[in-house]
């Protein structure tokens, strides 16, 4: 059972979001959840996410200036 289902069973209402790469969002997104894009750096990624979830927030869930090893 998922945490999302447990919260629903307990009637807990709060903002929920899913964070993943744009190519994976469709596979695991649930209706009504906000979307955080991992590596979402192009308008195409955000437009694609918006086509999946018409309402709610879209945000950069993980955005890096470079991979961690770049910084020593």
N, C-alpha and C. Protein backbone atom coordinates (compact mmCIF):
# COMPACT_ATOMS: atom_id res chain seq x y z
N UNK A 1 0.84 -1.17 0.00
CA UNK A 1 0.00 0.00 0.00
C UNK A 1 0.90 1.25 0.00
N UNK A 2 0.52 2.24 -0.76
CA UNK A 2 1.32 3.46 -0.86
C UNK A 2 0.98 4.44 0.26
N UNK A 3 1.91 5.33 0.53
CA UNK A 3 1.66 6.38 1.51
C UNK A 3 0.46 7.22 1.06
N UNK A 4 0.38 7.46 -0.23
CA UNK A 4 -0.74 8.24 -0.77
C UNK A 4 -2.07 7.58 -0.42
N UNK A 5 -2.16 6.27 -0.52
CA UNK A 5 -3.39 5.56 -0.19
C UNK A 5 -3.68 5.58 1.31
N UNK A 6 -2.65 5.42 2.12
CA UNK A 6 -2.83 5.49 3.57
C UNK A 6 -3.38 6.86 3.96
N UNK A 7 -2.81 7.93 3.40
CA UNK A 7 -3.30 9.27 3.71
C UNK A 7 -4.75 9.43 3.26
N UNK A 8 -5.09 8.93 2.09
CA UNK A 8 -6.47 9.02 1.60
C UNK A 8 -7.41 8.27 2.54
N UNK A 9 -7.01 7.09 2.99
CA UNK A 9 -7.84 6.30 3.91
C UNK A 9 -8.05 7.03 5.24
N UNK A 10 -7.06 7.81 5.66
CA UNK A 10 -7.15 8.56 6.91
C UNK A 10 -7.75 9.96 6.71
N UNK A 11 -8.16 10.25 5.47
CA UNK A 11 -8.74 11.54 5.09
C UNK A 11 -7.77 12.71 5.35
N UNK A 12 -6.49 12.47 5.13
CA UNK A 12 -5.48 13.52 5.24
C UNK A 12 -5.38 14.21 3.89
N UNK A 13 -5.60 15.50 3.89
CA UNK A 13 -5.56 16.26 2.64
C UNK A 13 -4.39 17.23 2.68
N UNK A 14 -3.51 17.13 1.71
CA UNK A 14 -2.37 18.03 1.62
C UNK A 14 -1.90 18.06 0.17
N UNK A 15 -1.11 19.05 -0.15
CA UNK A 15 -0.52 19.12 -1.49
C UNK A 15 0.39 17.91 -1.68
N UNK A 16 0.31 17.31 -2.85
CA UNK A 16 1.17 16.19 -3.18
C UNK A 16 1.87 16.50 -4.49
N UNK A 17 3.06 15.96 -4.65
CA UNK A 17 3.76 16.13 -5.92
C UNK A 17 4.53 14.87 -6.25
N UNK A 18 4.84 14.77 -7.51
CA UNK A 18 5.64 13.67 -8.02
C UNK A 18 6.85 14.31 -8.69
N UNK A 19 8.02 13.79 -8.40
CA UNK A 19 9.25 14.33 -9.00
C UNK A 19 9.95 13.22 -9.76
N UNK A 20 10.21 13.48 -11.02
CA UNK A 20 10.90 12.50 -11.86
C UNK A 20 11.32 13.21 -13.14
N UNK A 21 12.09 12.52 -13.96
CA UNK A 21 12.47 13.04 -15.26
C UNK A 21 11.26 13.09 -16.18
N UNK A 22 11.26 14.02 -17.11
CA UNK A 22 10.12 14.20 -18.00
C UNK A 22 9.73 12.90 -18.72
N UNK A 23 10.70 12.09 -19.08
CA UNK A 23 10.38 10.87 -19.81
C UNK A 23 9.70 9.81 -18.93
N UNK A 24 9.72 9.99 -17.61
CA UNK A 24 9.12 9.02 -16.69
C UNK A 24 7.83 9.50 -16.05
N UNK A 25 7.51 10.77 -16.16
CA UNK A 25 6.36 11.34 -15.47
C UNK A 25 5.07 10.60 -15.80
N UNK A 26 4.82 10.32 -17.05
CA UNK A 26 3.56 9.69 -17.45
C UNK A 26 3.37 8.33 -16.79
N UNK A 27 4.44 7.60 -16.57
CA UNK A 27 4.34 6.25 -16.02
C UNK A 27 3.90 6.21 -14.57
N UNK A 28 4.22 7.23 -13.78
CA UNK A 28 3.95 7.14 -12.35
C UNK A 28 3.19 8.33 -11.78
N UNK A 29 2.71 9.20 -12.63
CA UNK A 29 1.96 10.37 -12.17
C UNK A 29 0.53 9.97 -11.79
N UNK A 30 -0.03 10.61 -10.77
CA UNK A 30 -1.43 10.42 -10.43
C UNK A 30 -2.15 11.75 -10.57
N UNK A 31 -3.42 11.70 -10.95
CA UNK A 31 -4.21 12.89 -11.21
C UNK A 31 -4.25 13.80 -9.99
N UNK A 32 -4.03 15.07 -10.24
CA UNK A 32 -4.10 16.07 -9.19
C UNK A 32 -2.79 16.37 -8.49
N UNK A 33 -1.76 15.57 -8.73
CA UNK A 33 -0.46 15.81 -8.09
C UNK A 33 0.31 16.88 -8.83
N UNK A 34 1.00 17.73 -8.07
CA UNK A 34 1.91 18.70 -8.68
C UNK A 34 3.09 17.93 -9.27
N UNK A 35 3.81 18.55 -10.19
CA UNK A 35 4.92 17.86 -10.85
C UNK A 35 6.22 18.63 -10.65
N UNK A 36 7.21 17.93 -10.13
CA UNK A 36 8.57 18.44 -10.05
C UNK A 36 9.40 17.69 -11.09
N UNK A 37 10.07 18.42 -11.94
CA UNK A 37 10.86 17.79 -13.00
C UNK A 37 12.32 17.68 -12.60
N UNK A 38 12.83 16.49 -12.67
CA UNK A 38 14.25 16.24 -12.43
C UNK A 38 14.98 16.57 -13.72
N UNK A 39 15.84 17.55 -13.64
CA UNK A 39 16.57 17.95 -14.84
C UNK A 39 15.72 18.71 -15.84
N UNK A 40 14.56 19.16 -15.41
CA UNK A 40 13.68 19.90 -16.33
C UNK A 40 14.25 21.25 -16.67
N UNK A 41 14.89 21.34 -17.79
CA UNK A 41 15.56 22.59 -18.15
C UNK A 41 15.06 23.18 -19.46
N UNK A 42 14.15 22.50 -20.12
CA UNK A 42 13.69 23.04 -21.39
C UNK A 42 12.18 23.31 -21.34
N UNK A 43 11.75 24.24 -22.15
CA UNK A 43 10.32 24.52 -22.25
C UNK A 43 9.56 23.27 -22.68
N UNK A 44 10.18 22.44 -23.51
CA UNK A 44 9.52 21.21 -23.96
C UNK A 44 9.19 20.30 -22.78
N UNK A 45 10.12 20.17 -21.80
CA UNK A 45 9.87 19.34 -20.62
C UNK A 45 8.66 19.87 -19.85
N UNK A 46 8.62 21.17 -19.63
CA UNK A 46 7.52 21.76 -18.86
C UNK A 46 6.20 21.72 -19.63
N UNK A 47 6.24 21.93 -20.93
CA UNK A 47 5.03 21.82 -21.74
C UNK A 47 4.48 20.40 -21.73
N UNK A 48 5.39 19.42 -21.79
CA UNK A 48 4.98 18.02 -21.74
C UNK A 48 4.34 17.71 -20.39
N UNK A 49 4.96 18.16 -19.30
CA UNK A 49 4.41 17.92 -17.96
C UNK A 49 3.04 18.58 -17.83
N UNK A 50 2.88 19.78 -18.36
CA UNK A 50 1.59 20.48 -18.29
C UNK A 50 0.53 19.74 -19.10
N UNK A 51 0.92 19.08 -20.16
CA UNK A 51 -0.07 18.31 -20.94
C UNK A 51 -0.57 17.10 -20.16
N UNK A 52 0.22 16.61 -19.21
CA UNK A 52 -0.18 15.47 -18.39
C UNK A 52 -1.05 15.94 -17.22
N UNK A 53 -0.65 17.02 -16.58
CA UNK A 53 -1.39 17.57 -15.43
C UNK A 53 -1.76 19.01 -15.74
N UNK A 54 -3.04 19.24 -16.00
CA UNK A 54 -3.51 20.56 -16.46
C UNK A 54 -3.50 21.61 -15.35
N UNK A 55 -3.61 21.18 -14.08
CA UNK A 55 -3.66 22.12 -12.95
C UNK A 55 -2.45 21.90 -12.07
N UNK A 56 -2.31 22.75 -11.08
CA UNK A 56 -1.25 22.55 -10.10
C UNK A 56 0.06 23.19 -10.50
N UNK A 57 1.06 22.94 -9.66
CA UNK A 57 2.37 23.54 -9.83
C UNK A 57 3.28 22.66 -10.69
N UNK A 58 4.11 23.30 -11.46
CA UNK A 58 5.23 22.65 -12.15
C UNK A 58 6.49 23.32 -11.63
N UNK A 59 7.47 22.54 -11.24
CA UNK A 59 8.69 23.14 -10.72
C UNK A 59 9.88 22.24 -10.99
N UNK A 60 11.07 22.81 -10.91
CA UNK A 60 12.30 22.05 -11.08
C UNK A 60 12.58 21.28 -9.80
N UNK A 61 12.39 19.99 -9.83
CA UNK A 61 12.60 19.15 -8.66
C UNK A 61 14.07 18.93 -8.36
N UNK A 62 14.86 18.82 -9.39
CA UNK A 62 16.31 18.66 -9.26
C UNK A 62 16.95 19.37 -10.46
N UNK A 63 17.64 20.43 -10.19
CA UNK A 63 18.33 21.16 -11.25
C UNK A 63 19.76 21.40 -10.79
N UNK A 64 20.70 21.00 -11.59
CA UNK A 64 22.12 21.10 -11.23
C UNK A 64 22.84 22.03 -12.20
N UNK A 65 23.86 22.69 -11.70
CA UNK A 65 24.71 23.48 -12.59
C UNK A 65 25.74 22.59 -13.27
N UNK A 66 25.89 21.40 -12.79
CA UNK A 66 26.83 20.41 -13.33
C UNK A 66 26.84 19.22 -12.41
N UNK A 67 27.44 18.15 -12.81
CA UNK A 67 27.47 16.98 -11.96
C UNK A 67 28.37 17.25 -10.76
N UNK A 68 28.12 16.57 -9.65
CA UNK A 68 28.82 16.84 -8.39
C UNK A 68 30.33 16.75 -8.49
N UNK A 69 30.83 15.89 -9.33
CA UNK A 69 32.29 15.73 -9.46
C UNK A 69 32.95 16.94 -10.07
N UNK A 70 32.19 17.82 -10.71
CA UNK A 70 32.76 19.05 -11.27
C UNK A 70 33.33 19.95 -10.20
N UNK A 71 32.82 19.83 -8.99
CA UNK A 71 33.18 20.72 -7.91
C UNK A 71 34.22 20.13 -6.98
N UNK A 72 34.73 18.95 -7.31
CA UNK A 72 35.78 18.35 -6.49
C UNK A 72 35.20 17.67 -5.30
